Amino acid sequence: MADLHLEPLSATTVVAANSLTLKPGQEQYAVPVSHAEAEQTIDPEGAWPRVVLDGDEVVGFIKGSFDEHETRPEFRCCIWSINVKASAQGKGVGTFAVKGLADEARSRGFSKLTVIWDGGDEGPEDFFLSVGFVPEGETRFGEVIGALAL
């Protein structure tokens, strides 16, 4: 993964981003219940969807959201979703994507990036902890709210 870079989601990359194959068992963790519930009220203007490319190949996707006026702190500056192609997992793609989103958040004046995840053996908790997120609470559905100080 020598040539990683982020690009805005586009007509030429959307199919590849939507077709990323995860490892077996990971699909159930792709969208936390809290996100599905909040989706109708999040400002689409604050969305930051990006693909991670290794050369010309889409190997990951991250979507962030920025809304300083959001009443729920866990959605003011957050990772909405992150997916890394199964064969690219463990090679720094997810870390690269999170760092890119964190840099964008910092440039917009945010001091904290949040993410919500479900626990479980195939879930993303170990990844989020490894990139520096610290659990700071739970949603009303029992999902973990993690925070990364910027």
C-alpha atoms as a PDB file:
ATOM      1  CA  MET A   1       0.000   0.000   0.000  1.00  0.00           C
ATOM      2  CA  ALA A   2       2.636   2.468  -1.087  1.00  0.00           C
ATOM      3  CA  ASP A   3       0.488   4.913  -3.033  1.00  0.00           C
ATOM      4  CA  LEU A   4      -2.464   5.649  -0.731  1.00  0.00           C
ATOM      5  CA  HIS A   5      -4.422   8.822  -1.318  1.00  0.00           C
ATOM      6  CA  LEU A   6      -7.893  10.186  -0.600  1.00  0.00           C
ATOM      7  CA  GLU A   7     -10.249  11.489  -3.262  1.00  0.00           C
ATOM      8  CA  PRO A   8     -13.811  12.775  -3.047  1.00  0.00           C
ATOM      9  CA  LEU A   9     -16.430  10.167  -3.875  1.00  0.00           C
ATOM     10  CA  SER A  10     -17.330  10.581  -7.538  1.00  0.00           C
ATOM     11  CA  ALA A  11     -19.316   8.978 -10.319  1.00  0.00           C
ATOM     12  CA  THR A  12     -16.214   7.025 -11.300  1.00  0.00           C
ATOM     13  CA  THR A  13     -15.507   5.674  -7.789  1.00  0.00           C
ATOM     14  CA  VAL A  14     -18.970   5.210  -6.264  1.00  0.00           C
ATOM     15  CA  VAL A  15     -19.549   1.725  -7.702  1.00  0.00           C
ATOM     16  CA  ALA A  16     -16.185   0.493  -6.428  1.00  0.00           C
ATOM     17  CA  ALA A  17     -16.815   2.063  -3.009  1.00  0.00           C
ATOM     18  CA  ASN A  18     -20.231   0.406  -2.770  1.00  0.00           C
ATOM     19  CA  SER A  19     -18.773  -2.930  -3.866  1.00  0.00           C
ATOM     20  CA  LEU A  20     -16.009  -3.198  -1.262  1.00  0.00           C
ATOM     21  CA  THR A  21     -16.014  -6.756   0.065  1.00  0.00           C
ATOM     22  CA  LEU A  22     -15.535  -6.947   3.820  1.00  0.00           C
ATOM     23  CA  LYS A  23     -14.334  -9.949   5.785  1.00  0.00           C
ATOM     24  CA  PRO A  24     -17.058 -12.462   6.672  1.00  0.00           C
ATOM     25  CA  GLY A  25     -19.049 -11.304   9.695  1.00  0.00           C
ATOM     26  CA  GLN A  26     -18.144  -7.615   9.370  1.00  0.00           C
ATOM     27  CA  GLU A  27     -21.260  -6.617   7.406  1.00  0.00           C
ATOM     28  CA  GLN A  28     -23.405  -6.664  10.548  1.00  0.00           C
ATOM     29  CA  TYR A  29     -21.311  -3.830  12.008  1.00  0.00           C
ATOM     30  CA  ALA A  30     -21.442  -1.542   8.970  1.00  0.00           C
ATOM     31  CA  VAL A  31     -24.267   0.762  10.167  1.00  0.00           C
ATOM     32  CA  PRO A  32     -24.911   1.254  13.892  1.00  0.00           C
ATOM     33  CA  VAL A  33     -28.580   1.610  14.860  1.00  0.00           C
ATOM     34  CA  SER A  34     -27.899   5.164  16.092  1.00  0.00           C
ATOM     35  CA  HIS A  35     -26.737   6.181  12.617  1.00  0.00           C
ATOM     36  CA  ALA A  36     -29.794   4.718  10.941  1.00  0.00           C
ATOM     37  CA  GLU A  37     -31.998   6.668  13.355  1.00  0.00           C
ATOM     38  CA  ALA A  38     -30.075   9.953  13.027  1.00  0.00           C
ATOM     39  CA  GLU A  39     -29.699   9.835   9.256  1.00  0.00           C
ATOM     40  CA  GLN A  40     -32.858  11.839   8.580  1.00  0.00           C
ATOM     41  CA  THR A  41     -31.704  14.804  10.667  1.00  0.00           C
ATOM     42  CA  ILE A  42     -28.015  15.081   9.737  1.00  0.00           C
ATOM     43  CA  ASP A  43     -27.202  18.015   7.471  1.00  0.00           C
ATOM     44  CA  PRO A  44     -26.085  16.563   4.108  1.00  0.00           C
ATOM     45  CA  GLU A  45     -24.029  19.722   3.440  1.00  0.00           C
ATOM     46  CA  GLY A  46     -21.656  18.646   6.211  1.00  0.00           C
ATOM     47  CA  ALA A  47     -20.936  15.232   4.662  1.00  0.00           C
ATOM     48  CA  TRP A  48     -17.337  14.383   3.726  1.00  0.00           C
ATOM     49  CA  PRO A  49     -17.308  11.146   1.657  1.00  0.00           C
ATOM     50  CA  ARG A  50     -13.886  10.000   0.444  1.00  0.00           C
ATOM     51  CA  VAL A  51     -12.464   6.919  -1.186  1.00  0.00           C
ATOM     52  CA  VAL A  52      -9.026   5.589  -0.348  1.00  0.00           C
ATOM     53  CA  LEU A  53      -7.114   4.610  -3.443  1.00  0.00           C
ATOM     54  CA  ASP A  54      -3.968   2.558  -3.726  1.00  0.00           C
ATOM     55  CA  GLY A  55      -2.789   3.793  -7.090  1.00  0.00           C
ATOM     56  CA  ASP A  56      -5.967   3.564  -9.167  1.00  0.00           C
ATOM     57  CA  GLU A  57      -7.690   0.870  -7.076  1.00  0.00           C
ATOM     58  CA  VAL A  58     -10.382   1.768  -4.523  1.00  0.00           C
ATOM     59  CA  VAL A  59      -9.399  -0.064  -1.330  1.00  0.00           C
ATOM     60  CA  GLY A  60     -11.422   1.867   1.230  1.00  0.00           C
ATOM     61  CA  PHE A  61     -14.151   4.384   1.916  1.00  0.00           C
ATOM     62  CA  ILE A  62     -14.703   6.828   4.759  1.00  0.00           C
ATOM     63  CA  LYS A  63     -17.557   9.234   5.308  1.00  0.00           C
ATOM     64  CA  GLY A  64     -17.321  11.952   7.884  1.00  0.00           C
ATOM     65  CA  SER A  65     -19.844  14.504   8.984  1.00  0.00           C
ATOM     66  CA  PHE A  66     -19.249  18.034  10.254  1.00  0.00           C
ATOM     67  CA  ASP A  67     -21.982  20.128  11.906  1.00  0.00           C
ATOM     68  CA  GLU A  68     -20.962  22.367  14.781  1.00  0.00           C
ATOM     69  CA  HIS A  69     -24.639  23.140  15.500  1.00  0.00           C
ATOM     70  CA  GLU A  70     -25.742  19.506  15.870  1.00  0.00           C
ATOM     71  CA  THR A  71     -27.417  19.075  19.274  1.00  0.00           C
ATOM     72  CA  ARG A  72     -26.050  15.556  19.768  1.00  0.00           C
ATOM     73  CA  PRO A  73     -22.312  15.878  20.468  1.00  0.00           C
ATOM     74  CA  GLU A  74     -21.535  12.447  19.015  1.00  0.00           C
ATOM     75  CA  PHE A  75     -22.669  13.669  15.587  1.00  0.00           C
ATOM     76  CA  ARG A  76     -20.970  17.110  15.455  1.00  0.00           C
ATOM     77  CA  CYS A  77     -17.698  15.831  14.029  1.00  0.00           C
ATOM     78  CA  CYS A  78     -17.832  12.123  13.413  1.00  0.00           C
ATOM     79  CA  ILE A  79     -16.964   9.135  11.330  1.00  0.00           C
ATOM     80  CA  TRP A  80     -20.229   8.125   9.750  1.00  0.00           C
ATOM     81  CA  SER A  81     -18.847   5.010   8.099  1.00  0.00           C
ATOM     82  CA  ILE A  82     -15.572   3.375   7.194  1.00  0.00           C
ATOM     83  CA  ASN A  83     -15.030   0.284   5.061  1.00  0.00           C
ATOM     84  CA  VAL A  84     -11.796  -1.312   3.944  1.00  0.00           C
ATOM     85  CA  LYS A  85     -11.590  -4.033   1.323  1.00  0.00           C
ATOM     86  CA  ALA A  86     -10.981  -7.400   3.008  1.00  0.00           C
ATOM     87  CA  SER A  87      -7.665  -7.998   1.237  1.00  0.00           C
ATOM     88  CA  ALA A  88      -6.424  -4.520   2.234  1.00  0.00           C
ATOM     89  CA  GLN A  89      -7.288  -4.781   5.941  1.00  0.00           C
ATOM     90  CA  GLY A  90      -4.323  -4.700   8.296  1.00  0.00           C
ATOM     91  CA  LYS A  91      -2.216  -2.736   5.805  1.00  0.00           C
ATOM     92  CA  GLY A  92      -2.785   0.809   7.064  1.00  0.00           C
ATOM     93  CA  VAL A  93      -5.714   1.767   4.828  1.00  0.00           C
ATOM     94  CA  GLY A  94      -8.172   2.397   7.671  1.00  0.00           C
ATOM     95  CA  THR A  95      -5.600   4.298   9.706  1.00  0.00           C
ATOM     96  CA  PHE A  96      -4.780   6.432   6.663  1.00  0.00           C
ATOM     97  CA  ALA A  97      -8.482   7.214   6.154  1.00  0.00           C
ATOM     98  CA  VAL A  98      -9.042   8.152   9.805  1.00  0.00           C
ATOM     99  CA  LYS A  99      -5.964  10.402   9.802  1.00  0.00           C
ATOM    100  CA  GLY A 100      -7.240  12.131   6.657  1.00  0.00           C
ATOM    101  CA  LEU A 101     -10.627  12.767   8.252  1.00  0.00           C
ATOM    102  CA  ALA A 102      -8.967  13.941  11.469  1.00  0.00           C
ATOM    103  CA  ASP A 103      -6.830  16.404   9.488  1.00  0.00           C
ATOM    104  CA  GLU A 104      -9.961  17.764   7.779  1.00  0.00           C
ATOM    105  CA  ALA A 105     -11.732  18.068  11.145  1.00  0.00           C
ATOM    106  CA  ARG A 106      -8.771  19.973  12.606  1.00  0.00           C
ATOM    107  CA  SER A 107      -8.732  22.319   9.606  1.00  0.00           C
ATOM    108  CA  ARG A 108     -12.418  23.081  10.287  1.00  0.00           C
ATOM    109  CA  GLY A 109     -11.678  23.977  13.906  1.00  0.00           C
ATOM    110  CA  PHE A 110     -12.918  20.828  15.653  1.00  0.00           C
ATOM    111  CA  SER A 111     -11.021  19.475  18.650  1.00  0.00           C
ATOM    112  CA  LYS A 112     -12.655  16.042  18.848  1.00  0.00           C
ATOM    113  CA  LEU A 113     -13.625  13.355  16.329  1.00  0.00           C
ATOM    114  CA  THR A 114     -16.193  10.756  17.385  1.00  0.00           C
ATOM    115  CA  VAL A 115     -17.306   7.363  16.131  1.00  0.00           C
ATOM    116  CA  ILE A 116     -20.030   4.936  17.189  1.00  0.00           C
ATOM    117  CA  TRP A 117     -19.540   1.171  17.104  1.00  0.00           C
ATOM    118  CA  ASP A 118     -21.137  -2.056  18.260  1.00  0.00           C
ATOM    119  CA  GLY A 119     -19.113  -4.512  20.298  1.00  0.00           C
ATOM    120  CA  GLY A 120     -18.509  -8.033  19.066  1.00  0.00           C
ATOM    121  CA  ASP A 121     -15.800 -10.409  17.930  1.00  0.00           C
ATOM    122  CA  GLU A 122     -15.823  -9.264  14.291  1.00  0.00           C
ATOM    123  CA  GLY A 123     -16.624  -5.649  15.149  1.00  0.00           C
ATOM    124  CA  PRO A 124     -14.448  -2.569  14.684  1.00  0.00           C
ATOM    125  CA  GLU A 125     -13.624  -1.878  18.349  1.00  0.00           C
ATOM    126  CA  ASP A 126     -10.007  -3.106  18.242  1.00  0.00           C
ATOM    127  CA  PHE A 127      -9.358  -0.995  15.152  1.00  0.00           C
ATOM    128  CA  PHE A 128     -10.819   2.192  16.649  1.00  0.00           C
ATOM    129  CA  LEU A 129      -8.911   1.699  19.909  1.00  0.00           C
ATOM    130  CA  SER A 130      -5.681   1.096  17.959  1.00  0.00           C
ATOM    131  CA  VAL A 131      -5.973   4.456  16.158  1.00  0.00           C
ATOM    132  CA  GLY A 132      -6.530   6.312  19.422  1.00  0.00           C
ATOM    133  CA  PHE A 133     -10.270   6.453  20.049  1.00  0.00           C
ATOM    134  CA  VAL A 134     -11.243   6.249  23.716  1.00  0.00           C
ATOM    135  CA  PRO A 135     -14.707   5.104  24.823  1.00  0.00           C
ATOM    136  CA  GLU A 136     -16.537   8.045  26.390  1.00  0.00           C
ATOM    137  CA  GLY A 137     -20.099   6.799  26.661  1.00  0.00           C
ATOM    138  CA  GLU A 138     -22.887   4.796  25.103  1.00  0.00           C
ATOM    139  CA  THR A 139     -25.828   5.529  22.860  1.00  0.00           C
ATOM    140  CA  ARG A 140     -29.326   4.702  24.040  1.00  0.00           C
ATOM    141  CA  PHE A 141     -28.970   1.497  22.007  1.00  0.00           C
ATOM    142  CA  GLY A 142     -25.884   0.382  23.968  1.00  0.00           C
ATOM    143  CA  GLU A 143     -23.364   1.181  21.232  1.00  0.00           C
ATOM    144  CA  VAL A 144     -19.985   2.607  22.208  1.00  0.00           C
ATOM    145  CA  ILE A 145     -19.279   6.290  21.555  1.00  0.00           C
ATOM    146  CA  GLY A 146     -15.552   6.713  21.029  1.00  0.00           C
ATOM    147  CA  ALA A 147     -13.658   9.995  20.913  1.00  0.00           C
ATOM    148  CA  LEU A 148     -10.318  10.968  19.422  1.00  0.00           C
ATOM    149  CA  ALA A 149      -8.776  14.192  20.706  1.00  0.00           C
ATOM    150  CA  LEU A 150      -7.497  16.335  17.847  1.00  0.00           C
END
